[in-house]
Amino acid sequence: MASGDLERGAKNRGNNSNFPSFYVETAEKQWTSWLIPMFVVANIAVFIVVMYVNDCPKRSFGSERSCVAKFLGRFSFQPLKENPLFGPSSATLEKMGALEWNKVVHGDQGWRLITCMWLHAGVIHVLANMLSLVFIGIRLEQQFGFVRVGLIYLVSGFGGSILSSLFIQRNISVGASGALFGLLGAMLSELLTNWTIYSNKIAALLTLVVIIAINLAVGILPHVDNFAHIGGFFTGFLLGFVLLLRPQFGWVESRQFLADARVKSKHKAYQYMFLMAAAVLIIAGFTLGLVMLFKGENGNDHCSWCHYLSCVPTSKWNCENR
């Protein structure tokens, strides 16, 4: 994107589909996934609407040749020098609800904290995010149902938007990656809090940690909003402790035997401890973040090194205007 844009890039996380092999099956209900496919359809539909509104040939003031794939008419893309992801202009994204700090704080447009997660910077951006959503989200929805997974997705996206607004105040930001990282964080906390029902625990943990580390490392590239990734990840991580509890290993089977049922409880004590601690941190984090945001605070004033979490300058690129 142009230097004025930030897209919440997300890599294809198809490797996450390996995780069911680590799981010890129980008699719990398996859900049919329909919400995640609906989210995918909604994101693609919104992108098509954005491209319709963008209308590159009309807004290029007669220089139709500068548009990419101009045979698409008003759906053609902005010049690659302006948007290398094959998408709309920054002005169109901002018009359609991109996250922009000044408008959120001083323009009474807090709704941008939500709408931005349904917008994408280009074809490459939306395809990468939707493939990731399919690989991560369908597996989770099948195991935990649409209510819990839908809540994690939406609340994580909101949390990512808050952290992004606190630290990125000169550029716009769009993308579902905060919500996607929330699902990834929930996978990690689900593994930790339901530790007893997994086989090959260490292998599962190491695999997931490597996937998370690689995807967060991508966020240090310029024009990628890693604060949205980080905010979404930690929101989903905490929500996983609250929403994704499973009965401890053997509890489902023990219900069939009255004597065992008296001895074995449904959840372990540490699961309840994680739940309570996570609930407190979620409430405190959202309260603090929203208060700081609408007071006009700049997170960089309270953390002089945090800007390196979203962009590390090198000889190949700089991190100006971050």
C-alpha atoms as a PDB file:
ATOM      1  CA  MET A   1       0.000   0.000   0.000  1.00  0.00           C
ATOM      2  CA  ALA A   2       0.972   3.645  -0.170  1.00  0.00           C
ATOM      3  CA  SER A   3       2.930   4.957   2.803  1.00  0.00           C
ATOM      4  CA  GLY A   4      -0.269   6.376   4.241  1.00  0.00           C
ATOM      5  CA  ASP A   5      -1.856   2.948   4.556  1.00  0.00           C
ATOM      6  CA  LEU A   6      -1.476   0.088   6.951  1.00  0.00           C
ATOM      7  CA  GLU A   7      -2.895  -3.305   6.113  1.00  0.00           C
ATOM      8  CA  ARG A   8      -3.241  -5.999   8.700  1.00  0.00           C
ATOM      9  CA  GLY A   9      -1.442  -8.694   6.749  1.00  0.00           C
ATOM     10  CA  ALA A  10      -1.933 -12.367   7.635  1.00  0.00           C
ATOM     11  CA  LYS A  11      -0.137 -15.376   6.242  1.00  0.00           C
ATOM     12  CA  ASN A  12      -1.817 -18.621   5.304  1.00  0.00           C
ATOM     13  CA  ARG A  13      -1.925 -20.646   8.462  1.00  0.00           C
ATOM     14  CA  GLY A  14      -2.983 -23.897   6.889  1.00  0.00           C
ATOM     15  CA  ASN A  15      -0.617 -25.839   9.153  1.00  0.00           C
ATOM     16  CA  ASN A  16      -3.085 -25.368  11.974  1.00  0.00           C
ATOM     17  CA  SER A  17      -5.154 -28.165  10.477  1.00  0.00           C
ATOM     18  CA  ASN A  18      -2.556 -30.557  11.919  1.00  0.00           C
ATOM     19  CA  PHE A  19      -3.709 -29.945  15.460  1.00  0.00           C
ATOM     20  CA  PRO A  20      -6.657 -32.339  15.562  1.00  0.00           C
ATOM     21  CA  SER A  21      -4.105 -35.173  15.380  1.00  0.00           C
ATOM     22  CA  PHE A  22      -2.871 -34.151  18.837  1.00  0.00           C
ATOM     23  CA  TYR A  23      -6.357 -34.155  20.333  1.00  0.00           C
ATOM     24  CA  VAL A  24      -7.750 -37.098  22.282  1.00  0.00           C
ATOM     25  CA  GLU A  25     -11.349 -37.493  21.103  1.00  0.00           C
ATOM     26  CA  THR A  26     -14.135 -37.427  23.662  1.00  0.00           C
ATOM     27  CA  ALA A  27     -17.884 -37.860  23.514  1.00  0.00           C
ATOM     28  CA  GLU A  28     -18.419 -34.097  23.161  1.00  0.00           C
ATOM     29  CA  LYS A  29     -20.746 -32.821  20.443  1.00  0.00           C
ATOM     30  CA  GLN A  30     -19.220 -31.899  17.094  1.00  0.00           C
ATOM     31  CA  TRP A  31     -20.787 -28.785  15.591  1.00  0.00           C
ATOM     32  CA  THR A  32     -21.462 -27.985  11.961  1.00  0.00           C
ATOM     33  CA  SER A  33     -19.467 -24.948  10.900  1.00  0.00           C
ATOM     34  CA  TRP A  34     -21.599 -22.262   9.240  1.00  0.00           C
ATOM     35  CA  LEU A  35     -20.615 -18.978  10.905  1.00  0.00           C
ATOM     36  CA  ILE A  36     -17.005 -18.965   9.704  1.00  0.00           C
ATOM     37  CA  PRO A  37     -18.073 -19.597   6.074  1.00  0.00           C
ATOM     38  CA  MET A  38     -20.554 -16.725   6.499  1.00  0.00           C
ATOM     39  CA  PHE A  39     -17.748 -14.475   7.738  1.00  0.00           C
ATOM     40  CA  VAL A  40     -15.724 -15.410   4.663  1.00  0.00           C
ATOM     41  CA  VAL A  41     -18.625 -14.596   2.340  1.00  0.00           C
ATOM     42  CA  ALA A  42     -19.259 -11.303   4.172  1.00  0.00           C
ATOM     43  CA  ASN A  43     -15.624 -10.198   3.892  1.00  0.00           C
ATOM     44  CA  ILE A  44     -15.499 -10.985   0.181  1.00  0.00           C
ATOM     45  CA  ALA A  45     -18.834  -9.238  -0.408  1.00  0.00           C
ATOM     46  CA  VAL A  46     -17.631  -6.131   1.412  1.00  0.00           C
ATOM     47  CA  PHE A  47     -14.451  -6.093  -0.681  1.00  0.00           C
ATOM     48  CA  ILE A  48     -16.521  -6.225  -3.876  1.00  0.00           C
ATOM     49  CA  VAL A  49     -18.652  -3.319  -2.644  1.00  0.00           C
ATOM     50  CA  VAL A  50     -15.526  -1.331  -1.785  1.00  0.00           C
ATOM     51  CA  MET A  51     -14.128  -1.903  -5.272  1.00  0.00           C
ATOM     52  CA  TYR A  52     -17.463  -0.819  -6.784  1.00  0.00           C
ATOM     53  CA  VAL A  53     -17.355   2.398  -4.766  1.00  0.00           C
ATOM     54  CA  ASN A  54     -13.674   2.929  -5.597  1.00  0.00           C
ATOM     55  CA  ASP A  55     -14.324   3.067  -9.366  1.00  0.00           C
ATOM     56  CA  CYS A  56     -10.697   3.587 -10.377  1.00  0.00           C
ATOM     57  CA  PRO A  57     -11.336   4.718 -14.000  1.00  0.00           C
ATOM     58  CA  LYS A  58     -13.676   7.490 -12.907  1.00  0.00           C
ATOM     59  CA  ARG A  59     -11.495   8.729 -10.064  1.00  0.00           C
ATOM     60  CA  SER A  60      -8.295   8.699 -12.094  1.00  0.00           C
ATOM     61  CA  PHE A  61      -9.413  11.846 -13.896  1.00  0.00           C
ATOM     62  CA  GLY A  62      -9.219  10.431 -17.389  1.00  0.00           C
ATOM     63  CA  SER A  63      -5.976   8.480 -16.944  1.00  0.00           C
ATOM     64  CA  GLU A  64      -7.702   5.100 -17.187  1.00  0.00           C
ATOM     65  CA  ARG A  65      -4.467   3.490 -18.366  1.00  0.00           C
ATOM     66  CA  SER A  66      -3.030   3.795 -14.874  1.00  0.00           C
ATOM     67  CA  CYS A  67      -5.658   1.428 -13.467  1.00  0.00           C
ATOM     68  CA  VAL A  68      -4.765  -2.257 -13.240  1.00  0.00           C
ATOM     69  CA  ALA A  69      -6.985  -4.842 -14.948  1.00  0.00           C
ATOM     70  CA  LYS A  70      -9.001  -2.064 -16.529  1.00  0.00           C
ATOM     71  CA  PHE A  71     -11.124  -4.654 -18.384  1.00  0.00           C
ATOM     72  CA  LEU A  72     -12.934  -4.982 -15.035  1.00  0.00           C
ATOM     73  CA  GLY A  73     -14.363  -1.515 -15.521  1.00  0.00           C
ATOM     74  CA  ARG A  74     -15.193   0.232 -12.264  1.00  0.00           C
ATOM     75  CA  PHE A  75     -13.875  -2.828 -10.388  1.00  0.00           C
ATOM     76  CA  SER A  76     -10.343  -2.319 -11.731  1.00  0.00           C
ATOM     77  CA  PHE A  77      -7.533  -1.802  -9.232  1.00  0.00           C
ATOM     78  CA  GLN A  78      -5.495   1.229  -8.297  1.00  0.00           C
ATOM     79  CA  PRO A  79      -2.023   1.551  -9.868  1.00  0.00           C
ATOM     80  CA  LEU A  80       0.424  -0.896  -8.291  1.00  0.00           C
ATOM     81  CA  LYS A  81       2.680   1.941  -7.161  1.00  0.00           C
ATOM     82  CA  GLU A  82      -0.207   3.154  -5.045  1.00  0.00           C
ATOM     83  CA  ASN A  83      -1.529  -0.234  -3.947  1.00  0.00           C
ATOM     84  CA  PRO A  84       0.593  -3.323  -4.727  1.00  0.00           C
ATOM     85  CA  LEU A  85      -2.056  -5.610  -3.209  1.00  0.00           C
ATOM     86  CA  PHE A  86      -4.504  -5.069  -6.126  1.00  0.00           C
ATOM     87  CA  GLY A  87      -7.127  -3.054  -4.313  1.00  0.00           C
ATOM     88  CA  PRO A  88      -8.773   0.335  -3.789  1.00  0.00           C
ATOM     89  CA  SER A  89      -7.321   3.690  -2.875  1.00  0.00           C
ATOM     90  CA  SER A  90      -6.604   4.903   0.638  1.00  0.00           C
ATOM     91  CA  ALA A  91      -9.326   7.510   0.264  1.00  0.00           C
ATOM     92  CA  THR A  92     -11.930   4.852  -0.545  1.00  0.00           C
ATOM     93  CA  LEU A  93     -10.899   2.679   2.413  1.00  0.00           C
ATOM     94  CA  GLU A  94     -11.116   5.679   4.716  1.00  0.00           C
ATOM     95  CA  LYS A  95     -14.527   6.575   3.309  1.00  0.00           C
ATOM     96  CA  MET A  96     -15.804   3.030   3.840  1.00  0.00           C
ATOM     97  CA  GLY A  97     -14.761   2.810   7.496  1.00  0.00           C
ATOM     98  CA  ALA A  98     -11.015   2.211   7.836  1.00  0.00           C
ATOM     99  CA  LEU A  99      -9.513   2.722  11.275  1.00  0.00           C
ATOM    100  CA  GLU A 100      -8.248   6.280  11.583  1.00  0.00           C
ATOM    101  CA  TRP A 101      -7.274   7.592  15.012  1.00  0.00           C
ATOM    102  CA  ASN A 102      -8.273  11.207  14.537  1.00  0.00           C
ATOM    103  CA  LYS A 103     -11.761  10.320  13.323  1.00  0.00           C
ATOM    104  CA  VAL A 104     -12.280   7.816  16.153  1.00  0.00           C
ATOM    105  CA  VAL A 105     -11.131  10.129  18.942  1.00  0.00           C
ATOM    106  CA  HIS A 106     -12.040  13.587  17.679  1.00  0.00           C
ATOM    107  CA  GLY A 107     -14.691  12.791  15.083  1.00  0.00           C
ATOM    108  CA  ASP A 108     -16.995  10.672  17.272  1.00  0.00           C
ATOM    109  CA  GLN A 109     -16.578   7.745  14.871  1.00  0.00           C
ATOM    110  CA  GLY A 110     -15.890   4.945  17.301  1.00  0.00           C
ATOM    111  CA  TRP A 111     -17.703   2.569  14.944  1.00  0.00           C
ATOM    112  CA  ARG A 112     -14.497   2.467  12.902  1.00  0.00           C
ATOM    113  CA  LEU A 113     -13.031   0.194  15.579  1.00  0.00           C
ATOM    114  CA  ILE A 114     -15.433  -2.455  14.273  1.00  0.00           C
ATOM    115  CA  THR A 115     -15.889  -1.653  10.579  1.00  0.00           C
ATOM    116  CA  CYS A 116     -12.160  -1.706   9.862  1.00  0.00           C
ATOM    117  CA  MET A 117     -11.996  -5.463  10.474  1.00  0.00           C
ATOM    118  CA  TRP A 118     -14.366  -6.075   7.543  1.00  0.00           C
ATOM    119  CA  LEU A 119     -12.285  -4.081   5.053  1.00  0.00           C
ATOM    120  CA  HIS A 120      -9.232  -5.263   3.141  1.00  0.00           C
ATOM    121  CA  ALA A 121      -6.503  -3.456   1.260  1.00  0.00           C
ATOM    122  CA  GLY A 122      -6.552  -5.674  -1.812  1.00  0.00           C
ATOM    123  CA  VAL A 123      -7.192  -9.039  -3.433  1.00  0.00           C
ATOM    124  CA  ILE A 124      -3.989 -10.529  -2.010  1.00  0.00           C
ATOM    125  CA  HIS A 125      -4.878  -9.259   1.445  1.00  0.00           C
ATOM    126  CA  VAL A 126      -8.432 -10.582   1.488  1.00  0.00           C
ATOM    127  CA  LEU A 127      -7.494 -13.973   0.010  1.00  0.00           C
ATOM    128  CA  ALA A 128      -4.672 -14.527   2.518  1.00  0.00           C
ATOM    129  CA  ASN A 129      -6.919 -13.602   5.434  1.00  0.00           C
ATOM    130  CA  MET A 130      -9.875 -15.686   4.271  1.00  0.00           C
ATOM    131  CA  LEU A 131      -7.731 -18.773   3.675  1.00  0.00           C
ATOM    132  CA  SER A 132      -6.348 -18.337   7.181  1.00  0.00           C
ATOM    133  CA  LEU A 133      -9.850 -17.919   8.561  1.00  0.00           C
ATOM    134  CA  VAL A 134     -11.015 -21.137   6.903  1.00  0.00           C
ATOM    135  CA  PHE A 135      -8.091 -23.178   8.222  1.00  0.00           C
ATOM    136  CA  ILE A 136      -8.263 -21.795  11.762  1.00  0.00           C
ATOM    137  CA  GLY A 137     -11.917 -20.942  12.258  1.00  0.00           C
ATOM    138  CA  ILE A 138     -13.723 -23.988  10.879  1.00  0.00           C
ATOM    139  CA  ARG A 139     -11.784 -26.355  13.116  1.00  0.00           C
ATOM    140  CA  LEU A 140     -12.575 -24.260  16.191  1.00  0.00           C
ATOM    141  CA  GLU A 141     -16.234 -23.809  15.299  1.00  0.00           C
ATOM    142  CA  GLN A 142     -16.675 -27.549  14.797  1.00  0.00           C
ATOM    143  CA  GLN A 143     -15.319 -28.199  18.282  1.00  0.00           C
ATOM    144  CA  PHE A 144     -16.771 -25.276  20.252  1.00  0.00           C
ATOM    145  CA  GLY A 145     -19.771 -23.986  18.322  1.00  0.00           C
ATOM    146  CA  PHE A 146     -20.582 -20.724  16.572  1.00  0.00           C
ATOM    147  CA  VAL A 147     -21.408 -18.662  19.679  1.00  0.00           C
ATOM    148  CA  ARG A 148     -18.056 -19.004  21.403  1.00  0.00           C
ATOM    149  CA  VAL A 149     -15.947 -18.842  18.259  1.00  0.00           C
ATOM    150  CA  GLY A 150     -17.958 -15.907  16.914  1.00  0.00           C
ATOM    151  CA  LEU A 151     -17.450 -14.008  20.174  1.00  0.00           C
ATOM    152  CA  ILE A 152     -13.714 -14.648  20.134  1.00  0.00           C
ATOM    153  CA  TYR A 153     -13.437 -13.499  16.524  1.00  0.00           C
ATOM    154  CA  LEU A 154     -15.390 -10.274  16.976  1.00  0.00           C
ATOM    155  CA  VAL A 155     -14.049  -9.277  20.392  1.00  0.00           C
ATOM    156  CA  SER A 156     -10.469 -10.027  19.327  1.00  0.00           C
ATOM    157  CA  GLY A 157     -10.880  -7.849  16.259  1.00  0.00           C
ATOM    158  CA  PHE A 158     -12.164  -5.069  18.507  1.00  0.00           C
ATOM    159  CA  GLY A 159      -9.236  -5.526  20.884  1.00  0.00           C
ATOM    160  CA  GLY A 160      -6.793  -5.370  18.006  1.00  0.00           C
ATOM    161  CA  SER A 161      -8.375  -2.132  16.807  1.00  0.00           C
ATOM    162  CA  ILE A 162      -8.006  -0.543  20.244  1.00  0.00           C
ATOM    163  CA  LEU A 163      -4.304  -1.369  20.544  1.00  0.00           C
ATOM    164  CA  SER A 164      -3.707  -0.284  16.953  1.00  0.00           C
ATOM    165  CA  SER A 165      -5.370   3.080  17.613  1.00  0.00           C
ATOM    166  CA  LEU A 166      -3.247   3.662  20.697  1.00  0.00           C
ATOM    167  CA  PHE A 167       0.038   3.207  18.844  1.00  0.00           C
ATOM    168  CA  ILE A 168      -0.676   3.917  15.141  1.00  0.00           C
ATOM    169  CA  GLN A 169      -2.120   7.414  14.890  1.00  0.00           C
ATOM    170  CA  ARG A 170      -0.886   8.769  11.562  1.00  0.00           C
ATOM    171  CA  ASN A 171      -2.136   6.108   9.161  1.00  0.00           C
ATOM    172  CA  ILE A 172      -5.279   4.197   8.403  1.00  0.00           C
ATOM    173  CA  SER A 173      -5.574   0.466   9.097  1.00  0.00           C
ATOM    174  CA  VAL A 174      -7.838  -2.252   7.711  1.00  0.00           C
ATOM    175  CA  GLY A 175      -8.104  -6.020   7.836  1.00  0.00           C
ATOM    176  CA  ALA A 176      -9.407  -9.033   9.720  1.00  0.00           C
ATOM    177  CA  SER A 177      -5.991 -10.076  10.986  1.00  0.00           C
ATOM    178  CA  GLY A 178      -6.629  -8.894  14.549  1.00  0.00           C
ATOM    179  CA  ALA A 179      -9.624 -11.227  14.709  1.00  0.00           C
ATOM    180  CA  LEU A 180      -7.619 -14.025  13.067  1.00  0.00           C
ATOM    181  CA  PHE A 181      -4.805 -13.666  15.560  1.00  0.00           C
ATOM    182  CA  GLY A 182      -7.459 -13.820  18.269  1.00  0.00           C
ATOM    183  CA  LEU A 183      -8.483 -17.258  17.037  1.00  0.00           C
ATOM    184  CA  LEU A 184      -4.823 -18.263  16.968  1.00  0.00           C
ATOM    185  CA  GLY A 185      -4.387 -17.021  20.542  1.00  0.00           C
ATOM    186  CA  ALA A 186      -7.498 -18.915  21.591  1.00  0.00           C
ATOM    187  CA  MET A 187      -6.004 -22.097  20.140  1.00  0.00           C
ATOM    188  CA  LEU A 188      -2.978 -21.633  22.386  1.00  0.00           C
ATOM    189  CA  SER A 189      -4.942 -20.985  25.582  1.00  0.00           C
ATOM    190  CA  GLU A 190      -7.310 -23.846  24.724  1.00  0.00           C
ATOM    191  CA  LEU A 191      -4.321 -26.175  24.540  1.00  0.00           C
ATOM    192  CA  LEU A 192      -2.966 -24.930  27.866  1.00  0.00           C
ATOM    193  CA  THR A 193      -6.205 -24.972  29.849  1.00  0.00           C
ATOM    194  CA  ASN A 194      -7.278 -28.359  28.432  1.00  0.00           C
ATOM    195  CA  TRP A 195      -3.819 -29.861  28.816  1.00  0.00           C
ATOM    196  CA  THR A 196      -4.990 -33.212  30.191  1.00  0.00           C
ATOM    197  CA  ILE A 197      -6.981 -34.220  27.105  1.00  0.00           C
ATOM    198  CA  TYR A 198      -4.127 -33.861  24.624  1.00  0.00           C
ATOM    199  CA  SER A 199      -1.616 -36.457  23.575  1.00  0.00           C
ATOM    200  CA  ASN A 200       1.801 -35.346  22.317  1.00  0.00           C
ATOM    201  CA  LYS A 201       1.332 -32.145  24.323  1.00  0.00           C
ATOM    202  CA  ILE A 202       4.835 -30.766  23.833  1.00  0.00           C
ATOM    203  CA  ALA A 203       4.752 -31.332  20.074  1.00  0.00           C
ATOM    204  CA  ALA A 204       1.375 -29.556  19.851  1.00  0.00           C
ATOM    205  CA  LEU A 205       2.611 -26.649  21.961  1.00  0.00           C
ATOM    206  CA  LEU A 206       5.866 -26.198  20.047  1.00  0.00           C
ATOM    207  CA  THR A 207       4.098 -26.384  16.681  1.00  0.00           C
ATOM    208  CA  LEU A 208       1.579 -23.732  17.668  1.00  0.00           C
ATOM    209  CA  VAL A 209       4.194 -21.446  19.234  1.00  0.00           C
ATOM    210  CA  VAL A 210       6.327 -21.606  16.076  1.00  0.00           C
ATOM    211  CA  ILE A 211       3.314 -20.742  13.900  1.00  0.00           C
ATOM    212  CA  ILE A 212       2.444 -17.788  16.151  1.00  0.00           C
ATOM    213  CA  ALA A 213       6.051 -16.542  16.258  1.00  0.00           C
ATOM    214  CA  ILE A 214       6.436 -16.666  12.473  1.00  0.00           C
ATOM    215  CA  ASN A 215       3.200 -14.776  11.874  1.00  0.00           C
ATOM    216  CA  LEU A 216       4.007 -12.121  14.471  1.00  0.00           C
ATOM    217  CA  ALA A 217       7.482 -11.737  12.963  1.00  0.00           C
ATOM    218  CA  VAL A 218       5.871 -10.881   9.616  1.00  0.00           C
ATOM    219  CA  GLY A 219       4.303  -7.910  11.393  1.00  0.00           C
ATOM    220  CA  ILE A 220       7.638  -6.073  11.707  1.00  0.00           C
ATOM    221  CA  LEU A 221       7.554  -5.410   7.961  1.00  0.00           C
ATOM    222  CA  PRO A 222       6.525  -1.894   6.904  1.00  0.00           C
ATOM    223  CA  HIS A 223       2.855  -1.184   6.162  1.00  0.00           C
ATOM    224  CA  VAL A 224       1.687  -4.117   8.313  1.00  0.00           C
ATOM    225  CA  ASP A 225      -0.194  -3.239  11.493  1.00  0.00           C
ATOM    226  CA  ASN A 226       1.371  -5.605  14.021  1.00  0.00           C
ATOM    227  CA  PHE A 227      -0.310  -3.813  16.919  1.00  0.00           C
ATOM    228  CA  ALA A 228      -3.647  -5.082  15.615  1.00  0.00           C
ATOM    229  CA  HIS A 229      -2.124  -8.559  15.465  1.00  0.00           C
ATOM    230  CA  ILE A 230      -0.764  -8.340  19.012  1.00  0.00           C
ATOM    231  CA  GLY A 231      -3.941  -6.832  20.455  1.00  0.00           C
ATOM    232  CA  GLY A 232      -6.104  -9.445  18.756  1.00  0.00           C
ATOM    233  CA  PHE A 233      -3.799 -12.272  19.803  1.00  0.00           C
ATOM    234  CA  PHE A 234      -3.792 -11.415  23.507  1.00  0.00           C
ATOM    235  CA  THR A 235      -7.533 -10.762  23.508  1.00  0.00           C
ATOM    236  CA  GLY A 236      -8.194 -14.165  21.965  1.00  0.00           C
ATOM    237  CA  PHE A 237      -5.624 -15.800  24.249  1.00  0.00           C
ATOM    238  CA  LEU A 238      -7.445 -14.555  27.350  1.00  0.00           C
ATOM    239  CA  LEU A 239     -10.889 -15.314  25.937  1.00  0.00           C
ATOM    240  CA  GLY A 240      -9.800 -18.884  25.266  1.00  0.00           C
ATOM    241  CA  PHE A 241      -9.324 -19.478  28.985  1.00  0.00           C
ATOM    242  CA  VAL A 242     -12.844 -18.191  29.610  1.00  0.00           C
ATOM    243  CA  LEU A 243     -14.798 -19.708  26.709  1.00  0.00           C
ATOM    244  CA  LEU A 244     -12.971 -22.842  25.581  1.00  0.00           C
ATOM    245  CA  LEU A 245     -12.834 -24.997  28.696  1.00  0.00           C
ATOM    246  CA  ARG A 246     -13.282 -28.725  28.221  1.00  0.00           C
ATOM    247  CA  PRO A 247     -13.986 -31.369  30.879  1.00  0.00           C
ATOM    248  CA  GLN A 248     -10.779 -32.929  32.187  1.00  0.00           C
ATOM    249  CA  PHE A 249      -9.622 -36.227  30.728  1.00  0.00           C
ATOM    250  CA  GLY A 250     -11.842 -39.132  31.744  1.00  0.00           C
ATOM    251  CA  TRP A 251     -14.738 -37.056  33.108  1.00  0.00           C
ATOM    252  CA  VAL A 252     -17.132 -37.879  30.248  1.00  0.00           C
ATOM    253  CA  GLU A 253     -16.474 -41.584  30.672  1.00  0.00           C
ATOM    254  CA  SER A 254     -16.669 -41.427  34.472  1.00  0.00           C
ATOM    255  CA  ARG A 255     -20.261 -40.119  34.348  1.00  0.00           C
ATOM    256  CA  GLN A 256     -21.312 -43.601  33.316  1.00  0.00           C
ATOM    257  CA  PHE A 257     -20.091 -44.973  36.649  1.00  0.00           C
ATOM    258  CA  LEU A 258     -21.635 -43.471  39.780  1.00  0.00           C
ATOM    259  CA  ALA A 259     -18.695 -44.273  42.020  1.00  0.00           C
ATOM    260  CA  ASP A 260     -16.174 -42.574  39.751  1.00  0.00           C
ATOM    261  CA  ALA A 261     -18.473 -39.589  39.244  1.00  0.00           C
ATOM    262  CA  ARG A 262     -18.264 -38.787  42.952  1.00  0.00           C
ATOM    263  CA  VAL A 263     -14.494 -38.614  42.774  1.00  0.00           C
ATOM    264  CA  LYS A 264     -13.717 -36.857  39.493  1.00  0.00           C
ATOM    265  CA  SER A 265     -14.845 -33.242  39.009  1.00  0.00           C
ATOM    266  CA  LYS A 266     -15.647 -31.829  35.590  1.00  0.00           C
ATOM    267  CA  HIS A 267     -12.803 -29.307  35.557  1.00  0.00           C
ATOM    268  CA  LYS A 268      -9.506 -29.031  37.340  1.00  0.00           C
ATOM    269  CA  ALA A 269      -8.763 -26.262  39.821  1.00  0.00           C
ATOM    270  CA  TYR A 270      -6.142 -24.657  37.574  1.00  0.00           C
ATOM    271  CA  GLN A 271      -8.756 -24.279  34.809  1.00  0.00           C
ATOM    272  CA  TYR A 272     -10.927 -22.168  37.105  1.00  0.00           C
ATOM    273  CA  MET A 273      -7.878 -20.154  38.182  1.00  0.00           C
ATOM    274  CA  PHE A 274      -7.010 -19.424  34.552  1.00  0.00           C
ATOM    275  CA  LEU A 275     -10.628 -18.488  33.863  1.00  0.00           C
ATOM    276  CA  MET A 276     -10.865 -15.994  36.726  1.00  0.00           C
ATOM    277  CA  ALA A 277      -7.480 -14.411  36.031  1.00  0.00           C
ATOM    278  CA  ALA A 278      -8.246 -14.083  32.316  1.00  0.00           C
ATOM    279  CA  ALA A 279     -11.673 -12.537  32.970  1.00  0.00           C
ATOM    280  CA  VAL A 280     -10.128  -9.905  35.246  1.00  0.00           C
ATOM    281  CA  LEU A 281      -7.394  -9.094  32.721  1.00  0.00           C
ATOM    282  CA  ILE A 282      -9.902  -8.792  29.860  1.00  0.00           C
ATOM    283  CA  ILE A 283     -12.101  -6.348  31.756  1.00  0.00           C
ATOM    284  CA  ALA A 284      -9.125  -4.335  33.014  1.00  0.00           C
ATOM    285  CA  GLY A 285      -7.427  -4.282  29.617  1.00  0.00           C
ATOM    286  CA  PHE A 286     -10.474  -3.126  27.667  1.00  0.00           C
ATOM    287  CA  THR A 287     -11.340  -0.512  30.282  1.00  0.00           C
ATOM    288  CA  LEU A 288      -7.816   0.909  30.345  1.00  0.00           C
ATOM    289  CA  GLY A 289      -7.467   0.796  26.576  1.00  0.00           C
ATOM    290  CA  LEU A 290     -10.756   2.560  25.859  1.00  0.00           C
ATOM    291  CA  VAL A 291     -10.149   5.211  28.506  1.00  0.00           C
ATOM    292  CA  MET A 292      -6.673   5.955  27.128  1.00  0.00           C
ATOM    293  CA  LEU A 293      -7.948   5.972  23.545  1.00  0.00           C
ATOM    294  CA  PHE A 294     -10.807   8.414  24.039  1.00  0.00           C
ATOM    295  CA  LYS A 295      -8.643  10.658  26.223  1.00  0.00           C
ATOM    296  CA  GLY A 296      -6.421  11.023  23.170  1.00  0.00           C
ATOM    297  CA  GLU A 297      -3.428   9.251  24.707  1.00  0.00           C
ATOM    298  CA  ASN A 298      -0.563   8.060  22.525  1.00  0.00           C
ATOM    299  CA  GLY A 299       0.729   4.668  23.619  1.00  0.00           C
ATOM    300  CA  ASN A 300       4.208   5.513  22.347  1.00  0.00           C
ATOM    301  CA  ASP A 301       4.477   8.189  25.039  1.00  0.00           C
ATOM    302  CA  HIS A 302       4.247   5.459  27.670  1.00  0.00           C
ATOM    303  CA  CYS A 303       6.448   2.927  25.855  1.00  0.00           C
ATOM    304  CA  SER A 304       9.406   4.339  23.969  1.00  0.00           C
ATOM    305  CA  TRP A 305      10.410   1.023  22.376  1.00  0.00           C
ATOM    306  CA  CYS A 306       6.983  -0.388  21.493  1.00  0.00           C
ATOM    307  CA  HIS A 307       7.067   1.029  17.965  1.00  0.00           C
ATOM    308  CA  TYR A 308       9.636  -1.644  17.120  1.00  0.00           C
ATOM    309  CA  LEU A 309       6.931  -4.267  17.628  1.00  0.00           C
ATOM    310  CA  SER A 310       5.230  -3.115  14.446  1.00  0.00           C
ATOM    311  CA  CYS A 311       8.153  -2.045  12.275  1.00  0.00           C
ATOM    312  CA  VAL A 312      11.912  -2.532  12.525  1.00  0.00           C
ATOM    313  CA  PRO A 313      13.863  -0.143  10.257  1.00  0.00           C
ATOM    314  CA  THR A 314      16.534  -1.661   8.021  1.00  0.00           C
ATOM    315  CA  SER A 315      18.679  -0.583   5.088  1.00  0.00           C
ATOM    316  CA  LYS A 316      15.842  -1.770   2.808  1.00  0.00           C
ATOM    317  CA  TRP A 317      13.009   0.232   4.383  1.00  0.00           C
ATOM    318  CA  ASN A 318      12.239   2.824   7.028  1.00  0.00           C
ATOM    319  CA  CYS A 319       9.409   3.147   9.511  1.00  0.00           C
ATOM    320  CA  GLU A 320       8.493   6.756   9.068  1.00  0.00           C
ATOM    321  CA  ASN A 321       4.999   7.974   9.906  1.00  0.00           C
ATOM    322  CA  ARG A 322       4.297   5.009  12.182  1.00  0.00           C
END
